[in-house]
C-alpha atoms as a PDB file:
ATOM      1  CA  MET A   1     -53.803  19.371 -15.932  1.00  0.00           C
ATOM      2  CA  CYS A   2     -52.487  20.553 -12.570  1.00  0.00           C
ATOM      3  CA  ASP A   3     -49.103  19.301 -11.564  1.00  0.00           C
ATOM      4  CA  ASP A   4     -49.068  16.384  -9.127  1.00  0.00           C
ATOM      5  CA  LEU A   5     -48.229  17.827  -5.717  1.00  0.00           C
ATOM      6  CA  SER A   6     -48.436  14.557  -3.782  1.00  0.00           C
ATOM      7  CA  HIS A   7     -44.670  14.656  -3.447  1.00  0.00           C
ATOM      8  CA  VAL A   8     -44.481  18.021  -1.652  1.00  0.00           C
ATOM      9  CA  GLU A   9     -41.229  17.929   0.249  1.00  0.00           C
ATOM     10  CA  ASP A  10     -40.329  19.492   3.561  1.00  0.00           C
ATOM     11  CA  LYS A  11     -37.903  22.334   2.813  1.00  0.00           C
ATOM     12  CA  GLY A  12     -37.298  23.318   6.406  1.00  0.00           C
ATOM     13  CA  VAL A  13     -40.957  24.207   6.854  1.00  0.00           C
ATOM     14  CA  LEU A  14     -43.652  21.984   8.285  1.00  0.00           C
ATOM     15  CA  VAL A  15     -45.476  20.432   5.346  1.00  0.00           C
ATOM     16  CA  ALA A  16     -48.080  18.022   6.606  1.00  0.00           C
ATOM     17  CA  PRO A  17     -51.783  17.627   5.988  1.00  0.00           C
ATOM     18  CA  PRO A  18     -53.886  18.575   8.995  1.00  0.00           C
ATOM     19  CA  THR A  19     -55.942  16.030  10.823  1.00  0.00           C
ATOM     20  CA  PRO A  20     -59.607  15.952   9.729  1.00  0.00           C
ATOM     21  CA  HIS A  21     -60.812  17.734  12.877  1.00  0.00           C
ATOM     22  CA  SER A  22     -58.410  20.641  12.389  1.00  0.00           C
ATOM     23  CA  SER A  23     -59.522  21.966   9.009  1.00  0.00           C
ATOM     24  CA  PRO A  24     -58.454  25.595   8.964  1.00  0.00           C
ATOM     25  CA  ARG A  25     -61.052  28.313   8.431  1.00  0.00           C
ATOM     26  CA  LEU A  26     -58.624  30.759   6.795  1.00  0.00           C
ATOM     27  CA  VAL A  27     -55.891  29.919   4.301  1.00  0.00           C
ATOM     28  CA  THR A  28     -53.634  32.559   2.783  1.00  0.00           C
ATOM     29  CA  LEU A  29     -52.054  31.514  -0.525  1.00  0.00           C
ATOM     30  CA  PHE A  30     -49.469  33.268  -2.702  1.00  0.00           C
ATOM     31  CA  THR A  31     -48.371  31.968  -6.104  1.00  0.00           C
ATOM     32  CA  ASP A  32     -45.944  33.130  -8.755  1.00  0.00           C
ATOM     33  CA  ALA A  33     -44.589  31.759 -12.017  1.00  0.00           C
ATOM     34  CA  SER A  34     -41.575  32.242 -14.200  1.00  0.00           C
ATOM     35  CA  MET A  35     -41.252  31.204 -17.830  1.00  0.00           C
ATOM     36  CA  CYS A  36     -38.605  31.092 -20.524  1.00  0.00           C
ATOM     37  CA  PRO A  37     -39.918  32.378 -23.880  1.00  0.00           C
ATOM     38  CA  THR A  38     -37.216  30.423 -25.749  1.00  0.00           C
ATOM     39  CA  THR A  39     -37.629  26.950 -24.232  1.00  0.00           C
ATOM     40  CA  LEU A  40     -41.251  27.487 -23.084  1.00  0.00           C
ATOM     41  CA  LEU A  41     -40.310  25.930 -19.748  1.00  0.00           C
ATOM     42  CA  GLY A  42     -42.253  27.255 -16.811  1.00  0.00           C
ATOM     43  CA  ALA A  43     -41.751  27.094 -13.064  1.00  0.00           C
ATOM     44  CA  TYR A  44     -43.857  28.070 -10.081  1.00  0.00           C
ATOM     45  CA  ALA A  45     -43.620  28.747  -6.370  1.00  0.00           C
ATOM     46  CA  LEU A  46     -46.369  28.484  -3.763  1.00  0.00           C
ATOM     47  CA  TRP A  47     -46.549  29.848  -0.238  1.00  0.00           C
ATOM     48  CA  ALA A  48     -49.513  29.194   2.030  1.00  0.00           C
ATOM     49  CA  LYS A  49     -50.301  29.682   5.686  1.00  0.00           C
ATOM     50  CA  ALA A  50     -53.083  28.099   7.706  1.00  0.00           C
ATOM     51  CA  ASP A  51     -53.429  27.771  11.478  1.00  0.00           C
ATOM     52  CA  GLY A  52     -49.864  28.962  11.990  1.00  0.00           C
ATOM     53  CA  ILE A  53     -48.374  26.357   9.655  1.00  0.00           C
ATOM     54  CA  THR A  54     -46.453  27.607   6.619  1.00  0.00           C
ATOM     55  CA  TYR A  55     -46.411  25.523   3.455  1.00  0.00           C
ATOM     56  CA  ARG A  56     -43.886  26.240   0.692  1.00  0.00           C
ATOM     57  CA  HIS A  57     -43.402  24.400  -2.561  1.00  0.00           C
ATOM     58  CA  SER A  58     -41.851  25.060  -5.946  1.00  0.00           C
ATOM     59  CA  GLY A  59     -41.346  23.106  -9.121  1.00  0.00           C
ATOM     60  CA  VAL A  60     -41.253  23.014 -12.891  1.00  0.00           C
ATOM     61  CA  PHE A  61     -44.466  22.597 -14.875  1.00  0.00           C
ATOM     62  CA  ARG A  62     -44.740  19.027 -16.152  1.00  0.00           C
ATOM     63  CA  GLN A  63     -45.170  20.185 -19.728  1.00  0.00           C
ATOM     64  CA  PRO A  64     -43.717  23.151 -21.571  1.00  0.00           C
ATOM     65  CA  LEU A  65     -46.127  26.020 -22.131  1.00  0.00           C
ATOM     66  CA  PRO A  66     -47.834  25.897 -25.543  1.00  0.00           C
ATOM     67  CA  ARG A  67     -46.714  29.473 -26.304  1.00  0.00           C
ATOM     68  CA  PRO A  68     -44.794  32.256 -24.554  1.00  0.00           C
ATOM     69  CA  ASP A  69     -47.605  33.583 -22.348  1.00  0.00           C
ATOM     70  CA  SER A  70     -46.740  34.758 -18.837  1.00  0.00           C
ATOM     71  CA  THR A  71     -50.413  35.091 -17.854  1.00  0.00           C
ATOM     72  CA  ARG A  72     -50.958  31.445 -18.736  1.00  0.00           C
ATOM     73  CA  ALA A  73     -47.957  30.485 -16.577  1.00  0.00           C
ATOM     74  CA  GLU A  74     -49.353  32.567 -13.692  1.00  0.00           C
ATOM     75  CA  PHE A  75     -52.786  30.923 -14.145  1.00  0.00           C
ATOM     76  CA  GLN A  76     -51.164  27.455 -14.008  1.00  0.00           C
ATOM     77  CA  ALA A  77     -49.239  28.464 -10.868  1.00  0.00           C
ATOM     78  CA  MET A  78     -52.533  29.510  -9.235  1.00  0.00           C
ATOM     79  CA  LEU A  79     -54.121  26.181 -10.200  1.00  0.00           C
ATOM     80  CA  ASN A  80     -51.157  24.362  -8.636  1.00  0.00           C
ATOM     81  CA  GLY A  81     -51.526  26.468  -5.493  1.00  0.00           C
ATOM     82  CA  LEU A  82     -55.238  25.748  -5.212  1.00  0.00           C
ATOM     83  CA  THR A  83     -54.522  22.049  -5.784  1.00  0.00           C
ATOM     84  CA  MET A  84     -52.060  22.089  -2.901  1.00  0.00           C
ATOM     85  CA  VAL A  85     -54.608  23.845  -0.684  1.00  0.00           C
ATOM     86  CA  ALA A  86     -57.320  21.319  -1.597  1.00  0.00           C
ATOM     87  CA  THR A  87     -55.146  18.216  -1.146  1.00  0.00           C
ATOM     88  CA  ARG A  88     -52.766  19.173   1.666  1.00  0.00           C
ATOM     89  CA  ILE A  89     -54.386  21.875   3.772  1.00  0.00           C
ATOM     90  CA  LYS A  90     -58.038  20.893   3.263  1.00  0.00           C
ATOM     91  CA  PRO A  91     -59.767  24.053   4.467  1.00  0.00           C
ATOM     92  CA  HIS A  92     -63.017  23.923   6.403  1.00  0.00           C
ATOM     93  CA  TRP A  93     -66.119  23.850   4.178  1.00  0.00           C
ATOM     94  CA  ASN A  94     -67.201  27.155   5.713  1.00  0.00           C
ATOM     95  CA  GLY A  95     -63.719  28.652   5.541  1.00  0.00           C
ATOM     96  CA  MET A  96     -62.002  30.961   3.115  1.00  0.00           C
ATOM     97  CA  VAL A  97     -58.946  30.891   0.901  1.00  0.00           C
ATOM     98  CA  VAL A  98     -57.381  34.254   0.099  1.00  0.00           C
ATOM     99  CA  ALA A  99     -55.366  33.541  -3.056  1.00  0.00           C
ATOM    100  CA  GLN A 100     -52.902  36.231  -4.124  1.00  0.00           C
ATOM    101  CA  THR A 101     -50.795  36.732  -7.232  1.00  0.00           C
ATOM    102  CA  ASP A 102     -48.962  39.592  -8.912  1.00  0.00           C
ATOM    103  CA  SER A 103     -50.826  38.875 -12.168  1.00  0.00           C
ATOM    104  CA  GLU A 104     -53.747  41.268 -12.560  1.00  0.00           C
ATOM    105  CA  GLY A 105     -54.862  39.276 -15.598  1.00  0.00           C
ATOM    106  CA  VAL A 106     -55.273  36.098 -13.568  1.00  0.00           C
ATOM    107  CA  VAL A 107     -57.075  37.913 -10.748  1.00  0.00           C
ATOM    108  CA  ASN A 108     -59.471  39.507 -13.232  1.00  0.00           C
ATOM    109  CA  MET A 109     -60.158  36.191 -15.007  1.00  0.00           C
ATOM    110  CA  LEU A 110     -60.744  34.235 -11.797  1.00  0.00           C
ATOM    111  CA  ASN A 111     -62.846  36.898 -10.100  1.00  0.00           C
ATOM    112  CA  SER A 112     -65.272  36.808 -13.033  1.00  0.00           C
ATOM    113  CA  PRO A 113     -64.976  33.304 -14.502  1.00  0.00           C
ATOM    114  CA  PRO A 114     -66.845  32.509 -17.710  1.00  0.00           C
ATOM    115  CA  GLY A 115     -70.438  31.456 -17.386  1.00  0.00           C
ATOM    116  CA  PRO A 116     -73.460  31.130 -19.600  1.00  0.00           C
ATOM    117  CA  GLY A 117     -73.194  33.613 -22.422  1.00  0.00           C
ATOM    118  CA  LYS A 118     -69.637  34.674 -21.520  1.00  0.00           C
ATOM    119  CA  LEU A 119     -66.793  33.827 -23.840  1.00  0.00           C
ATOM    120  CA  LEU A 120     -63.666  32.128 -22.549  1.00  0.00           C
ATOM    121  CA  PRO A 121     -60.416  34.005 -23.024  1.00  0.00           C
ATOM    122  CA  ARG A 122     -58.688  32.651 -26.108  1.00  0.00           C
ATOM    123  CA  ASN A 123     -56.584  29.506 -25.502  1.00  0.00           C
ATOM    124  CA  TYR A 124     -57.569  29.209 -21.826  1.00  0.00           C
ATOM    125  CA  THR A 125     -60.403  26.675 -22.142  1.00  0.00           C
ATOM    126  CA  GLU A 126     -58.565  23.752 -20.501  1.00  0.00           C
ATOM    127  CA  LEU A 127     -57.329  25.959 -17.649  1.00  0.00           C
ATOM    128  CA  PHE A 128     -60.880  27.094 -16.861  1.00  0.00           C
ATOM    129  CA  GLU A 129     -62.016  23.449 -16.994  1.00  0.00           C
ATOM    130  CA  GLN A 130     -59.349  22.581 -14.416  1.00  0.00           C
ATOM    131  CA  PHE A 131     -60.386  25.583 -12.345  1.00  0.00           C
ATOM    132  CA  ALA A 132     -64.039  24.437 -12.414  1.00  0.00           C
ATOM    133  CA  LEU A 133     -63.019  20.970 -11.167  1.00  0.00           C
ATOM    134  CA  LEU A 134     -60.908  22.511  -8.403  1.00  0.00           C
ATOM    135  CA  ARG A 135     -63.791  24.717  -7.291  1.00  0.00           C
ATOM    136  CA  GLN A 136     -65.904  21.570  -6.869  1.00  0.00           C
ATOM    137  CA  ARG A 137     -63.232  20.150  -4.536  1.00  0.00           C
ATOM    138  CA  LEU A 138     -62.781  23.409  -2.625  1.00  0.00           C
ATOM    139  CA  THR A 139     -66.190  23.940  -1.073  1.00  0.00           C
ATOM    140  CA  CYS A 140     -65.051  27.000   0.878  1.00  0.00           C
ATOM    141  CA  ARG A 141     -65.065  30.570  -0.401  1.00  0.00           C
ATOM    142  CA  VAL A 142     -62.073  31.636  -2.499  1.00  0.00           C
ATOM    143  CA  SER A 143     -61.096  35.266  -2.946  1.00  0.00           C
ATOM    144  CA  PHE A 144     -58.520  36.275  -5.569  1.00  0.00           C
ATOM    145  CA  ARG A 145     -56.421  39.338  -4.858  1.00  0.00           C
ATOM    146  CA  TRP A 146     -53.695  41.179  -6.688  1.00  0.00           C
ATOM    147  CA  VAL A 147     -50.436  41.955  -4.921  1.00  0.00           C
ATOM    148  CA  ARG A 148     -48.018  44.469  -6.441  1.00  0.00           C
ATOM    149  CA  GLY A 149     -45.006  42.538  -7.711  1.00  0.00           C
ATOM    150  CA  HIS A 150     -41.311  43.304  -7.478  1.00  0.00           C
ATOM    151  CA  GLN A 151     -41.600  45.450  -4.348  1.00  0.00           C
ATOM    152  CA  GLY A 152     -38.928  43.722  -2.266  1.00  0.00           C
ATOM    153  CA  ASN A 153     -39.702  43.457   1.427  1.00  0.00           C
ATOM    154  CA  GLN A 154     -41.746  46.641   1.970  1.00  0.00           C
ATOM    155  CA  ASN A 155     -44.363  44.696   3.922  1.00  0.00           C
ATOM    156  CA  VAL A 156     -45.282  41.085   4.647  1.00  0.00           C
ATOM    157  CA  ARG A 157     -47.314  40.639   1.439  1.00  0.00           C
ATOM    158  CA  SER A 158     -44.463  42.021  -0.649  1.00  0.00           C
ATOM    159  CA  ALA A 159     -41.923  39.834   1.143  1.00  0.00           C
ATOM    160  CA  VAL A 160     -43.931  36.657   0.514  1.00  0.00           C
ATOM    161  CA  ASN A 161     -44.513  37.604  -3.121  1.00  0.00           C
ATOM    162  CA  THR A 162     -40.781  38.286  -3.476  1.00  0.00           C
ATOM    163  CA  TRP A 163     -39.968  34.840  -2.055  1.00  0.00           C
ATOM    164  CA  CYS A 164     -42.329  33.247  -4.615  1.00  0.00           C
ATOM    165  CA  ASP A 165     -40.810  35.290  -7.449  1.00  0.00           C
ATOM    166  CA  VAL A 166     -37.194  34.506  -6.524  1.00  0.00           C
ATOM    167  CA  GLU A 167     -37.967  30.827  -5.937  1.00  0.00           C
ATOM    168  CA  ALA A 168     -39.829  30.383  -9.247  1.00  0.00           C
ATOM    169  CA  ARG A 169     -36.941  32.030 -11.127  1.00  0.00           C
ATOM    170  CA  ARG A 170     -34.399  29.852  -9.278  1.00  0.00           C
ATOM    171  CA  VAL A 171     -36.252  26.657 -10.172  1.00  0.00           C
ATOM    172  CA  LEU A 172     -36.605  27.757 -13.804  1.00  0.00           C
ATOM    173  CA  ARG A 173     -32.877  28.522 -14.062  1.00  0.00           C
ATOM    174  CA  GLN A 174     -32.080  25.127 -12.570  1.00  0.00           C
ATOM    175  CA  ALA A 175     -34.386  23.367 -15.074  1.00  0.00           C
ATOM    176  CA  ARG A 176     -32.921  25.255 -18.048  1.00  0.00           C
ATOM    177  CA  ASP A 177     -29.360  24.488 -16.932  1.00  0.00           C
ATOM    178  CA  ALA A 178     -30.208  20.774 -16.631  1.00  0.00           C
ATOM    179  CA  ARG A 179     -31.324  20.596 -20.302  1.00  0.00           C
END
């Protein structure tokens, strides 16, 4: 299940749901995850922008990952990002969410989700079920795009992805140290 993001805190950036009449038509979302193969702890970071408002959030997954699988962690981070978009930003029904991650595996899976006659990737059934429920809540179009990871600040996309990467790793380190 997606992590509960009802407690999204203001970290120096405006984090507030828009009023119903101001549903944005374009939302840009970046997500990244970090995981520890020893403890199976995972962490995520989200960055979104809509109508000039930037939303940032990071946290630790509520449950440890069932196995050391970075693609699964990235998939969960994307689900958390889409949950935040659906519950906090609430895009216009005729709008679009451009969701970006540095995981080609996640982009490939979400751009061609399983359907009749298509097999689910092994051990991802519950994640695709969550994704299907999220797609019912997000009535706008959603486009999944890959962004090259670990590129520093070469351009705006790289800089945002770098922030997500650094933040997810910071939160994971903090969670491991607290154990």
